Amino acid sequence: MILTMKQARMLADKKQKEIAEVMGVHPQTYGKWEKNPDLITIGEAKQFCELVGVDFESIFFSSESNLIRQK
């Protein structure tokens, strides 16, 4: 089963603000990622997966072409 970022976060019983704080981004930035996962980089996506305890392959972030960009 593939999860959205929101579903994965909720399964981990985390709030948007908690995830944003640990990832070092503004809560609005994290909220934008949930609404438009095209905005997240692979590095950020992997960090998110570690925080919520879900495999990278199990979360829908975006098309592969958009995920290859890195910060």
Protein backbone atom coordinates (compact mmCIF):
# COMPACT_ATOMS: atom_id res chain seq x y z
CA MET A 1 0.00 0.00 0.00
CA ILE A 2 1.26 3.47 -0.91
CA LEU A 3 0.60 6.28 1.56
CA THR A 4 0.47 10.02 1.18
CA MET A 5 2.70 12.13 3.39
CA LYS A 6 -0.32 13.11 5.47
CA GLN A 7 -1.38 9.48 5.97
CA ALA A 8 2.16 8.47 6.97
CA ARG A 9 2.40 11.39 9.40
CA MET A 10 -0.94 10.58 10.96
CA LEU A 11 -0.07 6.89 11.33
CA ALA A 12 3.07 8.00 13.18
CA ASP A 13 0.85 10.16 15.43
CA LYS A 14 2.81 13.32 14.59
CA LYS A 15 1.61 16.86 14.02
CA GLN A 16 2.73 18.95 11.06
CA LYS A 17 4.46 21.36 13.44
CA GLU A 18 6.47 18.52 15.05
CA ILE A 19 7.71 17.21 11.70
CA ALA A 20 8.56 20.71 10.48
CA GLU A 21 10.54 21.48 13.63
CA VAL A 22 12.63 18.32 13.46
CA MET A 23 13.24 18.80 9.73
CA GLY A 24 14.26 22.41 10.27
CA VAL A 25 11.61 23.96 8.04
CA HIS A 26 8.76 26.37 8.65
CA PRO A 27 5.41 24.65 9.36
CA GLN A 28 3.97 26.35 6.27
CA THR A 29 6.68 24.76 4.15
CA TYR A 30 5.85 21.33 5.51
CA GLY A 31 2.14 21.96 4.91
CA LYS A 32 2.91 22.82 1.28
CA TRP A 33 4.79 19.53 0.91
CA GLU A 34 1.73 17.58 2.05
CA LYS A 35 -0.45 19.42 -0.46
CA ASN A 36 2.09 19.37 -3.28
CA PRO A 37 4.73 16.65 -2.81
CA ASP A 38 6.47 17.80 -6.00
CA LEU A 39 8.15 20.44 -3.82
CA ILE A 40 10.11 18.04 -1.60
CA THR A 41 13.62 16.87 -2.49
CA ILE A 42 14.83 13.29 -2.18
CA GLY A 43 16.93 14.17 0.86
CA GLU A 44 13.97 15.78 2.59
CA ALA A 45 11.72 12.88 1.61
CA LYS A 46 14.14 10.35 3.08
CA GLN A 47 14.41 12.39 6.28
CA PHE A 48 10.61 12.46 6.49
CA CYS A 49 10.47 8.67 6.07
CA GLU A 50 12.89 8.19 8.95
CA LEU A 51 10.80 10.47 11.17
CA VAL A 52 7.55 8.63 10.51
CA GLY A 53 9.08 5.14 10.35
CA VAL A 54 7.87 4.27 6.85
CA ASP A 55 9.96 2.96 3.95
CA PHE A 56 10.70 5.48 1.22
CA GLU A 57 9.09 3.20 -1.39
CA SER A 58 5.83 3.14 0.60
CA ILE A 59 5.09 6.87 0.36
CA PHE A 60 3.87 8.72 -2.70
CA PHE A 61 5.97 11.84 -3.06
CA SER A 62 5.91 12.63 -6.76
CA SER A 63 6.85 11.44 -10.18
CA GLU A 64 10.44 10.22 -10.47
CA SER A 65 11.36 13.13 -12.71
CA ASN A 66 10.57 15.62 -9.94
CA LEU A 67 12.20 13.64 -7.16
CA ILE A 68 15.68 13.70 -8.68
CA ARG A 69 16.31 17.32 -7.89
CA GLN A 70 18.37 17.86 -4.77
CA LYS A 71 19.18 20.85 -2.57
